[in-house]
Amino acid sequence: YFIESGLNKEEYFPEPYQDSRYSLETENIKDNEEKGMLNKVLLSVNWPTKGSRRAIFVVTYLFDKK
């Protein structure tokens, strides 16, 4: 799979999950000061529960889209 580097977004899900949101960040993994082939991808999803919020975090690596 491929993904662009430099993404930084945070959005809410559509109804009926409008109280839940996610954030997505990508960062290029550089090779010797030059742009590398891989992007580090950080994804978090959080949602409300009774009196608090729950969250899950995932880190993976995908090829750079360019």
PDB file of N, CA and C in Angstrom:
ATOM      1  N   TYR A   1       0.824  -1.178   0.000  1.00  0.00           N
ATOM      2  CA  TYR A   1       0.000   0.000   0.000  1.00  0.00           C
ATOM      3  C   TYR A   1       0.871   1.246   0.000  1.00  0.00           C
ATOM      4  N   PHE A   2       0.311   2.366  -0.471  1.00  0.00           N
ATOM      5  CA  PHE A   2       1.022   3.633  -0.581  1.00  0.00           C
ATOM      6  C   PHE A   2       0.254   4.723   0.150  1.00  0.00           C
ATOM      7  N   ILE A   3       0.985   5.727   0.652  1.00  0.00           N
ATOM      8  CA  ILE A   3       0.356   6.881   1.300  1.00  0.00           C
ATOM      9  C   ILE A   3       1.280   8.079   1.133  1.00  0.00           C
ATOM     10  N   GLU A   4       0.703   9.266   1.081  1.00  0.00           N
ATOM     11  CA  GLU A   4       1.486  10.491   0.960  1.00  0.00           C
ATOM     12  C   GLU A   4       2.179  10.815   2.275  1.00  0.00           C
ATOM     13  N   SER A   5       3.328  11.447   2.186  1.00  0.00           N
ATOM     14  CA  SER A   5       4.002  11.914   3.395  1.00  0.00           C
ATOM     15  C   SER A   5       3.488  13.301   3.747  1.00  0.00           C
ATOM     16  N   GLY A   6       3.661  13.692   4.989  1.00  0.00           N
ATOM     17  CA  GLY A   6       3.276  15.034   5.423  1.00  0.00           C
ATOM     18  C   GLY A   6       1.805  15.222   5.735  1.00  0.00           C
ATOM     19  N   LEU A   7       1.040  14.138   5.838  1.00  0.00           N
ATOM     20  CA  LEU A   7      -0.375  14.281   6.193  1.00  0.00           C
ATOM     21  C   LEU A   7      -0.502  14.572   7.686  1.00  0.00           C
ATOM     22  N   ASN A   8      -1.466  15.388   8.030  1.00  0.00           N
ATOM     23  CA  ASN A   8      -1.754  15.692   9.425  1.00  0.00           C
ATOM     24  C   ASN A   8      -3.211  16.124   9.482  1.00  0.00           C
ATOM     25  N   LYS A   9      -4.086  15.180   9.745  1.00  0.00           N
ATOM     26  CA  LYS A   9      -5.517  15.519   9.761  1.00  0.00           C
ATOM     27  C   LYS A   9      -6.199  14.908  10.965  1.00  0.00           C
ATOM     28  N   GLU A  10      -7.221  15.605  11.415  1.00  0.00           N
ATOM     29  CA  GLU A  10      -8.063  15.129  12.503  1.00  0.00           C
ATOM     30  C   GLU A  10      -9.496  15.430  12.110  1.00  0.00           C
ATOM     31  N   GLU A  11     -10.331  14.409  12.106  1.00  0.00           N
ATOM     32  CA  GLU A  11     -11.719  14.573  11.668  1.00  0.00           C
ATOM     33  C   GLU A  11     -12.651  13.717  12.510  1.00  0.00           C
ATOM     34  N   TYR A  12     -13.913  14.128  12.532  1.00  0.00           N
ATOM     35  CA  TYR A  12     -14.964  13.347  13.180  1.00  0.00           C
ATOM     36  C   TYR A  12     -15.581  12.416  12.157  1.00  0.00           C
ATOM     37  N   PHE A  13     -16.080  11.274  12.628  1.00  0.00           N
ATOM     38  CA  PHE A  13     -16.783  10.345  11.756  1.00  0.00           C
ATOM     39  C   PHE A  13     -18.185  10.869  11.476  1.00  0.00           C
ATOM     40  N   PRO A  14     -18.795  10.451  10.355  1.00  0.00           N
ATOM     41  CA  PRO A  14     -20.173  10.864  10.062  1.00  0.00           C
ATOM     42  C   PRO A  14     -21.166  10.142  10.981  1.00  0.00           C
ATOM     43  N   GLU A  15     -22.413  10.600  10.955  1.00  0.00           N
ATOM     44  CA  GLU A  15     -23.477   9.992  11.754  1.00  0.00           C
ATOM     45  C   GLU A  15     -23.607   8.517  11.408  1.00  0.00           C
ATOM     46  N   PRO A  16     -23.891   7.682  12.308  1.00  0.00           N
ATOM     47  CA  PRO A  16     -24.296   7.890  13.694  1.00  0.00           C
ATOM     48  C   PRO A  16     -23.108   7.881  14.666  1.00  0.00           C
ATOM     49  N   TYR A  17     -21.884   8.038  14.170  1.00  0.00           N
ATOM     50  CA  TYR A  17     -20.683   7.985  15.014  1.00  0.00           C
ATOM     51  C   TYR A  17     -20.030   9.356  15.159  1.00  0.00           C
ATOM     52  N   GLN A  18     -20.795  10.413  15.089  1.00  0.00           N
ATOM     53  CA  GLN A  18     -20.283  11.781  15.071  1.00  0.00           C
ATOM     54  C   GLN A  18     -19.523  12.180  16.342  1.00  0.00           C
ATOM     55  N   ASP A  19     -19.649  11.427  17.423  1.00  0.00           N
ATOM     56  CA  ASP A  19     -18.902  11.716  18.648  1.00  0.00           C
ATOM     57  C   ASP A  19     -17.521  11.057  18.657  1.00  0.00           C
ATOM     58  N   SER A  20     -17.254  10.262  17.643  1.00  0.00           N
ATOM     59  CA  SER A  20     -15.958   9.599  17.522  1.00  0.00           C
ATOM     60  C   SER A  20     -15.111  10.342  16.508  1.00  0.00           C
ATOM     61  N   ARG A  21     -13.795  10.319  16.713  1.00  0.00           N
ATOM     62  CA  ARG A  21     -12.926  11.021  15.775  1.00  0.00           C
ATOM     63  C   ARG A  21     -11.639  10.232  15.570  1.00  0.00           C
ATOM     64  N   TYR A  22     -10.934  10.607  14.513  1.00  0.00           N
ATOM     65  CA  TYR A  22      -9.655   9.967  14.246  1.00  0.00           C
ATOM     66  C   TYR A  22      -8.623  11.031  13.886  1.00  0.00           C
ATOM     67  N   SER A  23      -7.374  10.686  14.074  1.00  0.00           N
ATOM     68  CA  SER A  23      -6.296  11.538  13.599  1.00  0.00           C
ATOM     69  C   SER A  23      -5.315  10.660  12.833  1.00  0.00           C
ATOM     70  N   LEU A  24      -4.750  11.233  11.779  1.00  0.00           N
ATOM     71  CA  LEU A  24      -3.833  10.519  10.899  1.00  0.00           C
ATOM     72  C   LEU A  24      -2.642  11.416  10.627  1.00  0.00           C
ATOM     73  N   GLU A  25      -1.459  10.909  10.890  1.00  0.00           N
ATOM     74  CA  GLU A  25      -0.228  11.648  10.610  1.00  0.00           C
ATOM     75  C   GLU A  25       0.725  10.735   9.860  1.00  0.00           C
ATOM     76  N   THR A  26       1.426  11.301   8.880  1.00  0.00           N
ATOM     77  CA  THR A  26       2.448  10.544   8.174  1.00  0.00           C
ATOM     78  C   THR A  26       3.745  11.331   8.174  1.00  0.00           C
ATOM     79  N   GLU A  27       4.830  10.591   8.283  1.00  0.00           N
ATOM     80  CA  GLU A  27       6.155  11.206   8.331  1.00  0.00           C
ATOM     81  C   GLU A  27       7.102  10.346   7.503  1.00  0.00           C
ATOM     82  N   ASN A  28       7.831  10.972   6.594  1.00  0.00           N
ATOM     83  CA  ASN A  28       8.760  10.228   5.751  1.00  0.00           C
ATOM     84  C   ASN A  28       9.971   9.785   6.573  1.00  0.00           C
ATOM     85  N   ILE A  29      10.380   8.567   6.361  1.00  0.00           N
ATOM     86  CA  ILE A  29      11.574   8.028   6.997  1.00  0.00           C
ATOM     87  C   ILE A  29      12.736   8.278   6.034  1.00  0.00           C
ATOM     88  N   LYS A  30      13.618   9.178   6.415  1.00  0.00           N
ATOM     89  CA  LYS A  30      14.697   9.604   5.518  1.00  0.00           C
ATOM     90  C   LYS A  30      15.858   8.618   5.519  1.00  0.00           C
ATOM     91  N   ASP A  31      16.459   8.500   4.339  1.00  0.00           N
ATOM     92  CA  ASP A  31      17.659   7.678   4.156  1.00  0.00           C
ATOM     93  C   ASP A  31      18.837   8.606   3.918  1.00  0.00           C
ATOM     94  N   ASN A  32      19.740   8.707   4.864  1.00  0.00           N
ATOM     95  CA  ASN A  32      20.940   9.536   4.694  1.00  0.00           C
ATOM     96  C   ASN A  32      20.617  10.947   4.221  1.00  0.00           C
ATOM     97  N   GLU A  33      19.688  11.611   4.931  1.00  0.00           N
ATOM     98  CA  GLU A  33      19.303  12.997   4.649  1.00  0.00           C
ATOM     99  C   GLU A  33      18.500  13.175   3.357  1.00  0.00           C
ATOM    100  N   GLU A  34      18.184  12.122   2.640  1.00  0.00           N
ATOM    101  CA  GLU A  34      17.349  12.216   1.441  1.00  0.00           C
ATOM    102  C   GLU A  34      16.014  11.554   1.723  1.00  0.00           C
ATOM    103  N   LYS A  35      14.996  11.946   0.949  1.00  0.00           N
ATOM    104  CA  LYS A  35      13.669  11.369   1.134  1.00  0.00           C
ATOM    105  C   LYS A  35      13.716   9.868   0.930  1.00  0.00           C
ATOM    106  N   GLY A  36      13.113   9.134   1.865  1.00  0.00           N
ATOM    107  CA  GLY A  36      13.121   7.681   1.793  1.00  0.00           C
ATOM    108  C   GLY A  36      11.894   7.119   1.104  1.00  0.00           C
ATOM    109  N   MET A  37      11.867   5.813   0.971  1.00  0.00           N
ATOM    110  CA  MET A  37      10.763   5.122   0.308  1.00  0.00           C
ATOM    111  C   MET A  37       9.601   4.850   1.243  1.00  0.00           C
ATOM    112  N   LEU A  38       9.830   4.938   2.566  1.00  0.00           N
ATOM    113  CA  LEU A  38       8.789   4.585   3.528  1.00  0.00           C
ATOM    114  C   LEU A  38       8.274   5.792   4.293  1.00  0.00           C
ATOM    115  N   ASN A  39       6.989   5.720   4.644  1.00  0.00           N
ATOM    116  CA  ASN A  39       6.363   6.707   5.513  1.00  0.00           C
ATOM    117  C   ASN A  39       5.893   6.014   6.789  1.00  0.00           C
ATOM    118  N   LYS A  40       6.164   6.637   7.920  1.00  0.00           N
ATOM    119  CA  LYS A  40       5.639   6.168   9.197  1.00  0.00           C
ATOM    120  C   LYS A  40       4.222   6.715   9.315  1.00  0.00           C
ATOM    121  N   VAL A  41       3.269   5.862   9.620  1.00  0.00           N
ATOM    122  CA  VAL A  41       1.860   6.239   9.682  1.00  0.00           C
ATOM    123  C   VAL A  41       1.369   6.058  11.116  1.00  0.00           C
ATOM    124  N   LEU A  42       0.849   7.142  11.692  1.00  0.00           N
ATOM    125  CA  LEU A  42       0.293   7.098  13.044  1.00  0.00           C
ATOM    126  C   LEU A  42      -1.207   7.359  12.946  1.00  0.00           C
ATOM    127  N   LEU A  43      -2.010   6.421  13.399  1.00  0.00           N
ATOM    128  CA  LEU A  43      -3.467   6.537  13.360  1.00  0.00           C
ATOM    129  C   LEU A  43      -3.999   6.363  14.772  1.00  0.00           C
ATOM    130  N   SER A  44      -4.871   7.278  15.176  1.00  0.00           N
ATOM    131  CA  SER A  44      -5.554   7.115  16.462  1.00  0.00           C
ATOM    132  C   SER A  44      -7.050   7.326  16.245  1.00  0.00           C
ATOM    133  N   VAL A  45      -7.827   6.531  16.948  1.00  0.00           N
ATOM    134  CA  VAL A  45      -9.289   6.628  16.904  1.00  0.00           C
ATOM    135  C   VAL A  45      -9.754   6.705  18.348  1.00  0.00           C
ATOM    136  N   ASN A  46     -10.625   7.668  18.652  1.00  0.00           N
ATOM    137  CA  ASN A  46     -11.177   7.722  20.009  1.00  0.00           C
ATOM    138  C   ASN A  46     -12.672   7.958  19.969  1.00  0.00           C
ATOM    139  N   TRP A  47     -13.334   7.470  21.015  1.00  0.00           N
ATOM    140  CA  TRP A  47     -14.796   7.495  21.072  1.00  0.00           C
ATOM    141  C   TRP A  47     -15.229   7.659  22.530  1.00  0.00           C
ATOM    142  N   PRO A  48     -16.433   8.193  22.733  1.00  0.00           N
ATOM    143  CA  PRO A  48     -16.913   8.409  24.098  1.00  0.00           C
ATOM    144  C   PRO A  48     -17.461   7.128  24.718  1.00  0.00           C
ATOM    145  N   THR A  49     -17.299   7.046  26.031  1.00  0.00           N
ATOM    146  CA  THR A  49     -17.945   6.005  26.823  1.00  0.00           C
ATOM    147  C   THR A  49     -18.558   6.706  28.034  1.00  0.00           C
ATOM    148  N   LYS A  50     -19.173   5.991  28.895  1.00  0.00           N
ATOM    149  CA  LYS A  50     -19.803   6.611  30.064  1.00  0.00           C
ATOM    150  C   LYS A  50     -18.767   7.325  30.916  1.00  0.00           C
ATOM    151  N   GLY A  51     -18.747   8.647  30.870  1.00  0.00           N
ATOM    152  CA  GLY A  51     -17.879   9.454  31.710  1.00  0.00           C
ATOM    153  C   GLY A  51     -16.438   9.599  31.260  1.00  0.00           C
ATOM    154  N   SER A  52     -16.054   8.997  30.137  1.00  0.00           N
ATOM    155  CA  SER A  52     -14.669   9.137  29.670  1.00  0.00           C
ATOM    156  C   SER A  52     -14.605   8.879  28.162  1.00  0.00           C
ATOM    157  N   ARG A  53     -13.393   8.827  27.657  1.00  0.00           N
ATOM    158  CA  ARG A  53     -13.189   8.517  26.245  1.00  0.00           C
ATOM    159  C   ARG A  53     -12.236   7.332  26.145  1.00  0.00           C
ATOM    160  N   ARG A  54     -12.419   6.524  25.142  1.00  0.00           N
ATOM    161  CA  ARG A  54     -11.543   5.391  24.853  1.00  0.00           C
ATOM    162  C   ARG A  54     -10.760   5.703  23.581  1.00  0.00           C
ATOM    163  N   ALA A  55      -9.599   5.084  23.444  1.00  0.00           N
ATOM    164  CA  ALA A  55      -8.781   5.334  22.257  1.00  0.00           C
ATOM    165  C   ALA A  55      -7.977   4.096  21.896  1.00  0.00           C
ATOM    166  N   ILE A  56      -7.650   4.022  20.620  1.00  0.00           N
ATOM    167  CA  ILE A  56      -6.749   2.993  20.115  1.00  0.00           C
ATOM    168  C   ILE A  56      -5.745   3.687  19.202  1.00  0.00           C
ATOM    169  N   PHE A  57      -4.499   3.242  19.261  1.00  0.00           N
ATOM    170  CA  PHE A  57      -3.429   3.833  18.469  1.00  0.00           C
ATOM    171  C   PHE A  57      -2.753   2.740  17.654  1.00  0.00           C
ATOM    172  N   VAL A  58      -2.455   3.067  16.400  1.00  0.00           N
ATOM    173  CA  VAL A  58      -1.779   2.120  15.513  1.00  0.00           C
ATOM    174  C   VAL A  58      -0.623   2.841  14.833  1.00  0.00           C
ATOM    175  N   VAL A  59       0.519   2.181  14.785  1.00  0.00           N
ATOM    176  CA  VAL A  59       1.668   2.692  14.053  1.00  0.00           C
ATOM    177  C   VAL A  59       2.059   1.628  13.036  1.00  0.00           C
ATOM    178  N   THR A  60       2.251   2.050  11.787  1.00  0.00           N
ATOM    179  CA  THR A  60       2.670   1.124  10.735  1.00  0.00           C
ATOM    180  C   THR A  60       3.536   1.896   9.747  1.00  0.00           C
ATOM    181  N   TYR A  61       4.025   1.199   8.752  1.00  0.00           N
ATOM    182  CA  TYR A  61       4.860   1.813   7.727  1.00  0.00           C
ATOM    183  C   TYR A  61       4.294   1.432   6.361  1.00  0.00           C
ATOM    184  N   LEU A  62       4.168   2.436   5.488  1.00  0.00           N
ATOM    185  CA  LEU A  62       3.685   2.222   4.123  1.00  0.00           C
ATOM    186  C   LEU A  62       4.629   2.910   3.164  1.00  0.00           C
ATOM    187  N   PHE A  63       4.663   2.427   1.928  1.00  0.00           N
ATOM    188  CA  PHE A  63       5.506   3.055   0.914  1.00  0.00           C
ATOM    189  C   PHE A  63       5.019   4.473   0.616  1.00  0.00           C
ATOM    190  N   ASP A  64       5.965   5.346   0.310  1.00  0.00           N
ATOM    191  CA  ASP A  64       5.634   6.707  -0.079  1.00  0.00           C
ATOM    192  C   ASP A  64       4.940   6.686  -1.442  1.00  0.00           C
ATOM    193  N   LYS A  65       3.931   7.521  -1.613  1.00  0.00           N
ATOM    194  CA  LYS A  65       3.124   7.525  -2.835  1.00  0.00           C
ATOM    195  C   LYS A  65       3.900   8.004  -4.059  1.00  0.00           C
ATOM    196  N   LYS A  66       4.934   8.818  -3.856  1.00  0.00           N
ATOM    197  CA  LYS A  66       5.664   9.385  -5.001  1.00  0.00           C
ATOM    198  C   LYS A  66       6.848   8.553  -5.392  1.00  0.00           C
TER     199      LYS A  66
END
